[in-house]
Amino acid sequence: MTRAAAVVATLALSLSTTAFAQDAKSGPLARQLAAALDGAKLDSIAAPDPSSPDTFVAALYFTKMELLVVSAKYTAPQLLLAKVEKKDYRDVYIDLNSASVPESKIFIEDLGADGLKAKREDNQPFDTFEQAGKRTVFDSDWKKQKLSEQDYMKAFSGADDQYAKILTALLAQLKKTS
């Protein structure tokens, strides 16, 4: 290997490692939501999506372990609005998981309740993101999912953006109710 090729290979490896090491947008938001839910002694939260009138977001929280988050359109939004107003957040979560418009559904498993992570640490759980039935596992094994590293990181970036948007709506709802 020539010296120039070695430098290029080292730089590429460095950039790849840096991309994995960057903190996701969802990290601070997920930790903030988990802390707020702990403080309020809540195991769930739900809200209308401010960017889409017939879309709702909801989370089910298992203390310091995981956030299960769903976002989806709902054909009878007035029913979910009433449940949000009554603070029946768990019911909204269940309704979005079972009776939402399938092609609009996003489901996130944030194991650790600390935001999405592109790189799985040894012996640690991994996060997943599902949108319209297509599931991506963030376990650092993009080849197993028939993805290139670039496509894996692009999928991660898109999932992290979506998750950050959902978390922001949930945090806003939690602030309204406290």
N, C-alpha and C. Protein backbone atom coordinates (compact mmCIF):
# COMPACT_ATOMS: atom_id res chain seq x y z
N MET A 1 0.85 -1.17 0.00
CA MET A 1 0.00 0.00 0.00
C MET A 1 0.90 1.23 0.00
N THR A 2 0.59 2.16 -0.87
CA THR A 2 1.38 3.39 -0.92
C THR A 2 1.04 4.25 0.29
N ARG A 3 1.93 5.18 0.57
CA ARG A 3 1.71 6.07 1.72
C ARG A 3 0.43 6.88 1.54
N ALA A 4 0.16 7.36 0.32
CA ALA A 4 -1.06 8.14 0.05
C ALA A 4 -2.31 7.29 0.28
N ALA A 5 -2.26 6.04 -0.18
CA ALA A 5 -3.41 5.15 0.01
C ALA A 5 -3.64 4.88 1.50
N ALA A 6 -2.56 4.74 2.25
CA ALA A 6 -2.67 4.50 3.68
C ALA A 6 -3.29 5.71 4.39
N VAL A 7 -2.90 6.90 3.96
CA VAL A 7 -3.46 8.12 4.55
C VAL A 7 -4.96 8.22 4.25
N VAL A 8 -5.33 7.92 3.00
CA VAL A 8 -6.74 7.96 2.61
C VAL A 8 -7.54 6.92 3.41
N ALA A 9 -7.02 5.72 3.55
CA ALA A 9 -7.71 4.68 4.31
C ALA A 9 -7.87 5.07 5.77
N THR A 10 -6.82 5.65 6.36
CA THR A 10 -6.88 6.10 7.75
C THR A 10 -7.90 7.22 7.91
N LEU A 11 -7.94 8.15 6.98
CA LEU A 11 -8.89 9.26 7.02
C LEU A 11 -10.33 8.74 6.90
N ALA A 12 -10.55 7.81 5.99
CA ALA A 12 -11.90 7.24 5.81
C ALA A 12 -12.35 6.53 7.08
N LEU A 13 -11.46 5.76 7.70
CA LEU A 13 -11.79 5.07 8.94
C LEU A 13 -12.08 6.08 10.04
N SER A 14 -11.31 7.14 10.10
CA SER A 14 -11.50 8.19 11.10
C SER A 14 -12.85 8.87 10.92
N LEU A 15 -13.22 9.19 9.68
CA LEU A 15 -14.50 9.84 9.41
C LEU A 15 -15.65 8.92 9.77
N SER A 16 -15.51 7.64 9.46
CA SER A 16 -16.55 6.67 9.78
C SER A 16 -16.73 6.56 11.30
N THR A 17 -15.63 6.49 12.02
CA THR A 17 -15.68 6.40 13.47
C THR A 17 -16.28 7.67 14.06
N THR A 18 -15.92 8.83 13.50
CA THR A 18 -16.47 10.10 13.97
C THR A 18 -17.98 10.14 13.77
N ALA A 19 -18.45 9.67 12.64
CA ALA A 19 -19.89 9.67 12.38
C ALA A 19 -20.61 8.81 13.41
N PHE A 20 -20.03 7.67 13.78
CA PHE A 20 -20.64 6.81 14.79
C PHE A 20 -20.60 7.47 16.17
N ALA A 21 -19.55 8.24 16.44
CA ALA A 21 -19.35 8.79 17.77
C ALA A 21 -20.19 10.04 18.02
N GLN A 22 -20.67 10.70 16.99
CA GLN A 22 -21.45 11.91 17.16
C GLN A 22 -22.70 11.63 17.96
N ASP A 23 -22.99 12.53 18.89
CA ASP A 23 -24.21 12.37 19.69
C ASP A 23 -25.41 12.68 18.82
N ALA A 24 -26.38 11.83 18.88
CA ALA A 24 -27.59 12.01 18.10
C ALA A 24 -28.40 13.17 18.68
N LYS A 25 -29.21 13.80 17.82
CA LYS A 25 -30.10 14.87 18.26
C LYS A 25 -31.08 14.35 19.31
N SER A 26 -31.48 13.11 19.16
CA SER A 26 -32.49 12.54 20.06
C SER A 26 -31.95 12.26 21.45
N GLY A 27 -30.65 12.14 21.62
CA GLY A 27 -30.07 11.78 22.92
C GLY A 27 -30.48 12.70 24.06
N PRO A 28 -30.15 13.99 23.96
CA PRO A 28 -30.51 14.90 25.07
C PRO A 28 -32.03 14.99 25.26
N LEU A 29 -32.79 14.95 24.18
CA LEU A 29 -34.25 15.05 24.29
C LEU A 29 -34.84 13.82 24.97
N ALA A 30 -34.36 12.64 24.63
CA ALA A 30 -34.87 11.41 25.25
C ALA A 30 -34.52 11.39 26.74
N ARG A 31 -33.31 11.78 27.09
CA ARG A 31 -32.93 11.82 28.50
C ARG A 31 -33.76 12.84 29.26
N GLN A 32 -34.04 13.98 28.62
CA GLN A 32 -34.88 15.01 29.23
C GLN A 32 -36.31 14.49 29.44
N LEU A 33 -36.86 13.81 28.43
CA LEU A 33 -38.21 13.27 28.56
C LEU A 33 -38.26 12.21 29.66
N ALA A 34 -37.28 11.33 29.71
CA ALA A 34 -37.25 10.28 30.73
C ALA A 34 -37.20 10.91 32.13
N ALA A 35 -36.36 11.91 32.31
CA ALA A 35 -36.25 12.58 33.60
C ALA A 35 -37.56 13.27 33.97
N ALA A 36 -38.19 13.92 33.00
CA ALA A 36 -39.46 14.61 33.25
C ALA A 36 -40.57 13.61 33.60
N LEU A 37 -40.60 12.47 32.89
CA LEU A 37 -41.60 11.44 33.20
C LEU A 37 -41.36 10.87 34.60
N ASP A 38 -40.08 10.64 34.95
CA ASP A 38 -39.76 10.17 36.30
C ASP A 38 -40.25 11.19 37.33
N GLY A 39 -39.94 12.47 37.09
CA GLY A 39 -40.32 13.53 38.02
C GLY A 39 -41.82 13.65 38.19
N ALA A 40 -42.54 13.45 37.10
CA ALA A 40 -44.01 13.55 37.15
C ALA A 40 -44.66 12.23 37.54
N LYS A 41 -43.84 11.20 37.73
CA LYS A 41 -44.33 9.85 38.06
C LYS A 41 -45.35 9.35 37.03
N LEU A 42 -44.98 9.55 35.75
CA LEU A 42 -45.81 9.09 34.63
C LEU A 42 -45.11 7.97 33.90
N ASP A 43 -45.90 7.05 33.34
CA ASP A 43 -45.31 5.99 32.53
C ASP A 43 -45.67 6.14 31.05
N SER A 44 -46.41 7.23 30.74
CA SER A 44 -46.78 7.47 29.35
C SER A 44 -47.08 8.95 29.15
N ILE A 45 -47.02 9.34 27.89
CA ILE A 45 -47.33 10.71 27.49
C ILE A 45 -47.79 10.66 26.04
N ALA A 46 -48.67 11.57 25.67
CA ALA A 46 -49.16 11.63 24.29
C ALA A 46 -49.50 13.06 23.94
N ALA A 47 -49.49 13.34 22.64
CA ALA A 47 -49.77 14.71 22.18
C ALA A 47 -50.15 14.69 20.71
N PRO A 48 -50.89 15.70 20.29
CA PRO A 48 -51.09 15.86 18.85
C PRO A 48 -49.76 16.32 18.24
N ASP A 49 -49.51 15.93 17.02
CA ASP A 49 -48.31 16.38 16.30
C ASP A 49 -48.60 17.80 15.80
N PRO A 50 -47.84 18.80 16.23
CA PRO A 50 -48.13 20.17 15.83
C PRO A 50 -48.00 20.44 14.33
N SER A 51 -47.31 19.56 13.62
CA SER A 51 -47.11 19.78 12.19
C SER A 51 -48.17 19.10 11.33
N SER A 52 -49.05 18.29 11.94
CA SER A 52 -50.06 17.56 11.18
C SER A 52 -51.29 17.33 12.06
N PRO A 53 -52.42 17.92 11.72
CA PRO A 53 -53.59 17.89 12.60
C PRO A 53 -54.19 16.51 12.89
N ASP A 54 -53.99 15.55 12.02
CA ASP A 54 -54.57 14.23 12.28
C ASP A 54 -53.50 13.19 12.68
N THR A 55 -52.33 13.68 13.09
CA THR A 55 -51.25 12.81 13.53
C THR A 55 -51.00 13.03 15.02
N PHE A 56 -50.72 11.93 15.70
CA PHE A 56 -50.46 11.99 17.14
C PHE A 56 -49.16 11.27 17.44
N VAL A 57 -48.57 11.61 18.58
CA VAL A 57 -47.35 10.97 19.05
C VAL A 57 -47.60 10.51 20.48
N ALA A 58 -47.00 9.39 20.86
CA ALA A 58 -47.17 8.88 22.21
C ALA A 58 -45.95 8.05 22.59
N ALA A 59 -45.71 7.98 23.89
CA ALA A 59 -44.60 7.18 24.40
C ALA A 59 -45.03 6.41 25.62
N LEU A 60 -44.51 5.22 25.71
CA LEU A 60 -44.66 4.38 26.89
C LEU A 60 -43.26 4.28 27.48
N TYR A 61 -43.14 4.54 28.78
CA TYR A 61 -41.83 4.64 29.42
C TYR A 61 -41.68 3.59 30.51
N PHE A 62 -40.59 2.86 30.43
CA PHE A 62 -40.23 1.90 31.47
C PHE A 62 -39.00 2.48 32.16
N THR A 63 -39.16 2.87 33.41
CA THR A 63 -38.17 3.63 34.15
C THR A 63 -36.73 3.21 33.88
N LYS A 64 -35.98 4.17 33.38
CA LYS A 64 -34.53 4.05 33.11
C LYS A 64 -34.16 2.88 32.21
N MET A 65 -35.17 2.29 31.54
CA MET A 65 -34.88 1.14 30.71
C MET A 65 -35.17 1.40 29.24
N GLU A 66 -36.38 1.88 28.95
CA GLU A 66 -36.69 2.07 27.55
C GLU A 66 -37.88 3.00 27.34
N LEU A 67 -37.87 3.59 26.16
CA LEU A 67 -38.99 4.37 25.65
C LEU A 67 -39.50 3.66 24.41
N LEU A 68 -40.78 3.38 24.39
CA LEU A 68 -41.43 2.86 23.18
C LEU A 68 -42.27 4.01 22.66
N VAL A 69 -41.97 4.44 21.45
CA VAL A 69 -42.57 5.66 20.92
C VAL A 69 -43.28 5.36 19.61
N VAL A 70 -44.46 5.95 19.45
CA VAL A 70 -45.23 5.76 18.22
C VAL A 70 -45.73 7.12 17.74
N SER A 71 -45.77 7.25 16.43
CA SER A 71 -46.35 8.42 15.78
C SER A 71 -47.16 7.89 14.61
N ALA A 72 -48.37 8.42 14.44
CA ALA A 72 -49.19 7.94 13.32
C ALA A 72 -50.39 8.85 13.13
N LYS A 73 -50.95 8.77 11.93
CA LYS A 73 -52.22 9.42 11.64
C LYS A 73 -53.32 8.57 12.26
N TYR A 74 -54.40 9.25 12.64
CA TYR A 74 -55.54 8.55 13.23
C TYR A 74 -56.79 9.06 12.53
N THR A 75 -57.64 8.15 12.11
CA THR A 75 -58.79 8.54 11.28
C THR A 75 -59.86 9.31 12.04
N ALA A 76 -59.87 9.21 13.34
CA ALA A 76 -60.83 9.97 14.16
C ALA A 76 -60.05 10.80 15.19
N PRO A 77 -59.35 11.84 14.73
CA PRO A 77 -58.48 12.59 15.62
C PRO A 77 -59.19 13.20 16.84
N GLN A 78 -60.46 13.54 16.69
CA GLN A 78 -61.19 14.13 17.82
C GLN A 78 -61.26 13.17 19.00
N LEU A 79 -61.28 11.87 18.74
CA LEU A 79 -61.30 10.89 19.83
C LEU A 79 -59.99 10.91 20.61
N LEU A 80 -58.87 11.00 19.88
CA LEU A 80 -57.57 11.04 20.56
C LEU A 80 -57.37 12.38 21.26
N LEU A 81 -57.85 13.46 20.66
CA LEU A 81 -57.75 14.77 21.33
C LEU A 81 -58.45 14.74 22.69
N ALA A 82 -59.61 14.13 22.73
CA ALA A 82 -60.34 14.02 24.00
C ALA A 82 -59.54 13.20 25.02
N LYS A 83 -58.89 12.13 24.57
CA LYS A 83 -58.09 11.32 25.48
C LYS A 83 -56.86 12.08 25.98
N VAL A 84 -56.25 12.87 25.09
CA VAL A 84 -55.10 13.68 25.51
C VAL A 84 -55.56 14.70 26.55
N GLU A 85 -56.68 15.35 26.32
CA GLU A 85 -57.20 16.33 27.27
C GLU A 85 -57.50 15.70 28.63
N LYS A 86 -57.96 14.45 28.64
CA LYS A 86 -58.23 13.75 29.89
C LYS A 86 -56.97 13.10 30.48
N LYS A 87 -55.85 13.26 29.79
CA LYS A 87 -54.56 12.68 30.19
C LYS A 87 -54.57 11.16 30.19
N ASP A 88 -55.38 10.59 29.30
CA ASP A 88 -55.40 9.14 29.10
C ASP A 88 -54.31 8.77 28.08
N TYR A 89 -53.08 9.07 28.45
CA TYR A 89 -51.96 8.93 27.52
C TYR A 89 -51.71 7.48 27.10
N ARG A 90 -51.84 6.57 28.03
CA ARG A 90 -51.60 5.16 27.70
C ARG A 90 -52.62 4.68 26.66
N ASP A 91 -53.87 5.13 26.78
CA ASP A 91 -54.90 4.76 25.80
C ASP A 91 -54.57 5.30 24.41
N VAL A 92 -54.03 6.51 24.35
CA VAL A 92 -53.62 7.08 23.07
C VAL A 92 -52.50 6.22 22.47
N TYR A 93 -51.54 5.85 23.30
CA TYR A 93 -50.44 4.99 22.85
C TYR A 93 -50.99 3.68 22.27
N ILE A 94 -51.89 3.06 22.99
CA ILE A 94 -52.48 1.78 22.54
C ILE A 94 -53.24 1.98 21.23
N ASP A 95 -54.05 3.04 21.16
CA ASP A 95 -54.81 3.31 19.93
C ASP A 95 -53.90 3.53 18.73
N LEU A 96 -52.82 4.27 18.92
CA LEU A 96 -51.89 4.52 17.81
C LEU A 96 -51.20 3.24 17.35
N ASN A 97 -50.93 2.36 18.28
CA ASN A 97 -50.28 1.10 17.92
C ASN A 97 -51.23 0.14 17.23
N SER A 98 -52.51 0.21 17.58
CA SER A 98 -53.41 -0.80 17.06
C SER A 98 -54.37 -0.32 15.96
N ALA A 99 -54.73 0.95 15.96
CA ALA A 99 -55.79 1.39 15.04
C ALA A 99 -55.40 2.62 14.23
N SER A 100 -54.14 2.83 14.04
CA SER A 100 -53.70 3.98 13.25
C SER A 100 -53.63 3.63 11.76
N VAL A 101 -53.39 4.64 10.95
CA VAL A 101 -53.22 4.43 9.51
C VAL A 101 -51.84 3.79 9.31
N PRO A 102 -51.79 2.52 8.87
CA PRO A 102 -50.53 1.76 8.84
C PRO A 102 -49.38 2.44 8.10
N GLU A 103 -49.65 3.01 6.93
CA GLU A 103 -48.55 3.59 6.15
C GLU A 103 -48.00 4.88 6.77
N SER A 104 -48.68 5.42 7.78
CA SER A 104 -48.21 6.65 8.44
C SER A 104 -47.46 6.36 9.73
N LYS A 105 -47.44 5.12 10.14
CA LYS A 105 -46.94 4.77 11.47
C LYS A 105 -45.41 4.73 11.54
N ILE A 106 -44.91 5.33 12.61
CA ILE A 106 -43.50 5.26 12.99
C ILE A 106 -43.46 4.64 14.38
N PHE A 107 -42.59 3.65 14.56
CA PHE A 107 -42.45 3.03 15.87
C PHE A 107 -40.97 2.96 16.21
N ILE A 108 -40.63 3.43 17.41
CA ILE A 108 -39.23 3.49 17.84
C ILE A 108 -39.08 2.75 19.16
N GLU A 109 -38.08 1.91 19.22
CA GLU A 109 -37.68 1.25 20.46
C GLU A 109 -36.35 1.86 20.87
N ASP A 110 -36.39 2.70 21.89
CA ASP A 110 -35.19 3.35 22.41
C ASP A 110 -34.81 2.63 23.71
N LEU A 111 -33.99 1.61 23.55
CA LEU A 111 -33.59 0.81 24.70
C LEU A 111 -32.49 1.57 25.44
N GLY A 112 -32.80 1.96 26.64
CA GLY A 112 -31.91 2.80 27.43
C GLY A 112 -32.54 4.16 27.68
N ALA A 113 -33.59 4.49 26.94
CA ALA A 113 -34.28 5.79 27.05
C ALA A 113 -33.26 6.93 27.01
N ASP A 114 -32.32 6.81 26.07
CA ASP A 114 -31.23 7.78 25.97
C ASP A 114 -30.98 8.25 24.54
N GLY A 115 -31.97 8.10 23.69
CA GLY A 115 -31.83 8.52 22.29
C GLY A 115 -31.30 7.40 21.42
N LEU A 116 -31.47 7.58 20.13
CA LEU A 116 -30.98 6.57 19.18
C LEU A 116 -29.46 6.61 19.11
N LYS A 117 -28.88 5.45 18.91
CA LYS A 117 -27.44 5.34 18.75
C LYS A 117 -27.18 4.50 17.51
N ALA A 118 -26.31 4.99 16.64
CA ALA A 118 -25.98 4.28 15.42
C ALA A 118 -25.07 3.09 15.70
N LYS A 119 -24.21 3.24 16.69
CA LYS A 119 -23.25 2.19 17.01
C LYS A 119 -23.65 1.51 18.30
N ARG A 120 -23.71 0.22 18.24
CA ARG A 120 -24.04 -0.58 19.42
C ARG A 120 -22.77 -0.85 20.21
N GLU A 121 -22.82 -0.55 21.48
CA GLU A 121 -21.69 -0.86 22.36
C GLU A 121 -21.75 -2.35 22.69
N ASP A 122 -20.60 -2.94 23.02
CA ASP A 122 -20.54 -4.36 23.36
C ASP A 122 -21.51 -4.69 24.49
N ASN A 123 -22.24 -5.77 24.32
CA ASN A 123 -23.17 -6.28 25.33
C ASN A 123 -24.25 -5.29 25.74
N GLN A 124 -24.57 -4.34 24.87
CA GLN A 124 -25.62 -3.39 25.15
C GLN A 124 -26.77 -3.60 24.17
N PRO A 125 -28.00 -3.25 24.59
CA PRO A 125 -29.12 -3.40 23.66
C PRO A 125 -29.00 -2.39 22.52
N PHE A 126 -29.74 -2.63 21.45
CA PHE A 126 -29.71 -1.73 20.31
C PHE A 126 -31.10 -1.16 20.08
N ASP A 127 -31.13 -0.02 19.42
CA ASP A 127 -32.37 0.68 19.13
C ASP A 127 -32.91 0.25 17.77
N THR A 128 -34.22 0.41 17.59
CA THR A 128 -34.83 0.11 16.29
C THR A 128 -35.76 1.25 15.89
N PHE A 129 -35.95 1.36 14.60
CA PHE A 129 -36.83 2.38 14.03
C PHE A 129 -37.62 1.71 12.91
N GLU A 130 -38.94 1.84 12.98
CA GLU A 130 -39.80 1.26 11.96
C GLU A 130 -40.70 2.35 11.40
N GLN A 131 -40.72 2.44 10.08
CA GLN A 131 -41.59 3.42 9.42
C GLN A 131 -42.30 2.74 8.27
N ALA A 132 -43.64 2.83 8.29
CA ALA A 132 -44.48 2.23 7.25
C ALA A 132 -44.12 0.76 7.01
N GLY A 133 -43.83 0.04 8.09
CA GLY A 133 -43.55 -1.38 7.99
C GLY A 133 -42.10 -1.75 7.70
N LYS A 134 -41.23 -0.78 7.42
CA LYS A 134 -39.82 -1.07 7.15
C LYS A 134 -39.02 -0.81 8.43
N ARG A 135 -38.40 -1.87 8.93
CA ARG A 135 -37.68 -1.80 10.21
C ARG A 135 -36.18 -1.71 9.98
N THR A 136 -35.54 -0.78 10.70
CA THR A 136 -34.09 -0.67 10.68
C THR A 136 -33.59 -0.90 12.09
N VAL A 137 -32.61 -1.77 12.21
CA VAL A 137 -32.01 -2.10 13.50
C VAL A 137 -30.67 -1.38 13.58
N PHE A 138 -30.48 -0.60 14.63
CA PHE A 138 -29.22 0.14 14.79
C PHE A 138 -28.28 -0.63 15.70
N ASP A 139 -27.74 -1.72 15.14
CA ASP A 139 -26.85 -2.61 15.87
C ASP A 139 -25.44 -2.62 15.28
N SER A 140 -25.14 -1.66 14.43
CA SER A 140 -23.84 -1.52 13.75
C SER A 140 -23.60 -2.58 12.68
N ASP A 141 -24.58 -3.42 12.41
CA ASP A 141 -24.40 -4.48 11.42
C ASP A 141 -25.25 -4.19 10.18
N TRP A 142 -24.82 -3.19 9.43
CA TRP A 142 -25.58 -2.78 8.24
C TRP A 142 -25.57 -3.83 7.16
N LYS A 143 -24.52 -4.64 7.11
CA LYS A 143 -24.43 -5.68 6.08
C LYS A 143 -25.54 -6.71 6.26
N LYS A 144 -25.85 -7.05 7.51
CA LYS A 144 -26.91 -8.03 7.79
C LYS A 144 -28.26 -7.51 7.26
N GLN A 145 -28.41 -6.18 7.21
CA GLN A 145 -29.65 -5.58 6.74
C GLN A 145 -29.59 -5.25 5.25
N LYS A 146 -28.52 -5.73 4.62
CA LYS A 146 -28.31 -5.51 3.18
C LYS A 146 -28.24 -4.01 2.86
N LEU A 147 -27.50 -3.27 3.70
CA LEU A 147 -27.28 -1.84 3.52
C LEU A 147 -25.79 -1.56 3.42
N SER A 148 -25.45 -0.51 2.72
CA SER A 148 -24.07 -0.04 2.77
C SER A 148 -23.94 0.78 4.05
N GLU A 149 -22.71 1.03 4.48
CA GLU A 149 -22.52 1.86 5.67
C GLU A 149 -23.12 3.24 5.45
N GLN A 150 -22.97 3.76 4.25
CA GLN A 150 -23.51 5.09 3.94
C GLN A 150 -25.04 5.09 4.04
N ASP A 151 -25.70 4.07 3.51
CA ASP A 151 -27.16 3.97 3.60
C ASP A 151 -27.63 3.78 5.04
N TYR A 152 -26.85 3.00 5.80
CA TYR A 152 -27.16 2.79 7.22
C TYR A 152 -27.11 4.11 7.96
N MET A 153 -26.05 4.89 7.73
CA MET A 153 -25.91 6.17 8.42
C MET A 153 -26.98 7.17 7.95
N LYS A 154 -27.36 7.09 6.69
CA LYS A 154 -28.44 7.95 6.18
C LYS A 154 -29.77 7.58 6.85
N ALA A 155 -30.02 6.28 6.98
CA ALA A 155 -31.23 5.82 7.66
C ALA A 155 -31.22 6.25 9.12
N PHE A 156 -30.05 6.15 9.75
CA PHE A 156 -29.93 6.57 11.14
C PHE A 156 -30.22 8.07 11.28
N SER A 157 -29.64 8.86 10.42
CA SER A 157 -29.83 10.31 10.48
C SER A 157 -31.31 10.68 10.32
N GLY A 158 -31.99 10.06 9.37
CA GLY A 158 -33.41 10.30 9.16
C GLY A 158 -34.25 9.87 10.35
N ALA A 159 -33.92 8.71 10.92
CA ALA A 159 -34.64 8.21 12.09
C ALA A 159 -34.42 9.13 13.28
N ASP A 160 -33.19 9.58 13.45
CA ASP A 160 -32.87 10.46 14.57
C ASP A 160 -33.62 11.79 14.43
N ASP A 161 -33.70 12.32 13.23
CA ASP A 161 -34.45 13.57 12.99
C ASP A 161 -35.93 13.38 13.35
N GLN A 162 -36.51 12.28 12.89
CA GLN A 162 -37.92 11.99 13.18
C GLN A 162 -38.14 11.84 14.69
N TYR A 163 -37.24 11.12 15.33
CA TYR A 163 -37.36 10.87 16.77
C TYR A 163 -37.24 12.18 17.55
N ALA A 164 -36.31 13.03 17.16
CA ALA A 164 -36.13 14.32 17.84
C ALA A 164 -37.41 15.16 17.72
N LYS A 165 -38.03 15.14 16.55
CA LYS A 165 -39.28 15.88 16.33
C LYS A 165 -40.39 15.35 17.24
N ILE A 166 -40.50 14.04 17.34
CA ILE A 166 -41.52 13.41 18.18
C ILE A 166 -41.26 13.74 19.66
N LEU A 167 -40.01 13.62 20.09
CA LEU A 167 -39.67 13.91 21.47
C LEU A 167 -39.97 15.36 21.83
N THR A 168 -39.72 16.26 20.91
CA THR A 168 -39.99 17.68 21.14
C THR A 168 -41.48 17.90 21.39
N ALA A 169 -42.33 17.26 20.60
CA ALA A 169 -43.79 17.38 20.79
C ALA A 169 -44.21 16.79 22.14
N LEU A 170 -43.62 15.68 22.52
CA LEU A 170 -43.97 15.05 23.80
C LEU A 170 -43.51 15.91 24.98
N LEU A 171 -42.32 16.48 24.87
CA LEU A 171 -41.83 17.37 25.93
C LEU A 171 -42.72 18.60 26.07
N ALA A 172 -43.16 19.16 24.95
CA ALA A 172 -44.05 20.33 24.99
C ALA A 172 -45.35 19.97 25.70
N GLN A 173 -45.89 18.79 25.42
CA GLN A 173 -47.13 18.35 26.08
C GLN A 173 -46.91 18.17 27.58
N LEU A 174 -45.80 17.60 27.94
CA LEU A 174 -45.50 17.37 29.35
C LEU A 174 -45.38 18.70 30.10
N LYS A 175 -44.78 19.70 29.46
CA LYS A 175 -44.66 21.02 30.08
C LYS A 175 -46.02 21.67 30.26
N LYS A 176 -46.94 21.44 29.32
CA LYS A 176 -48.30 21.99 29.42
C LYS A 176 -49.04 21.41 30.61
N THR A 177 -48.81 20.15 30.90
CA THR A 177 -49.59 19.46 31.93
C THR A 177 -49.01 19.63 33.33
N SER A 178 -47.79 20.11 33.42
CA SER A 178 -47.19 20.21 34.77
C SER A 178 -47.36 21.57 35.38
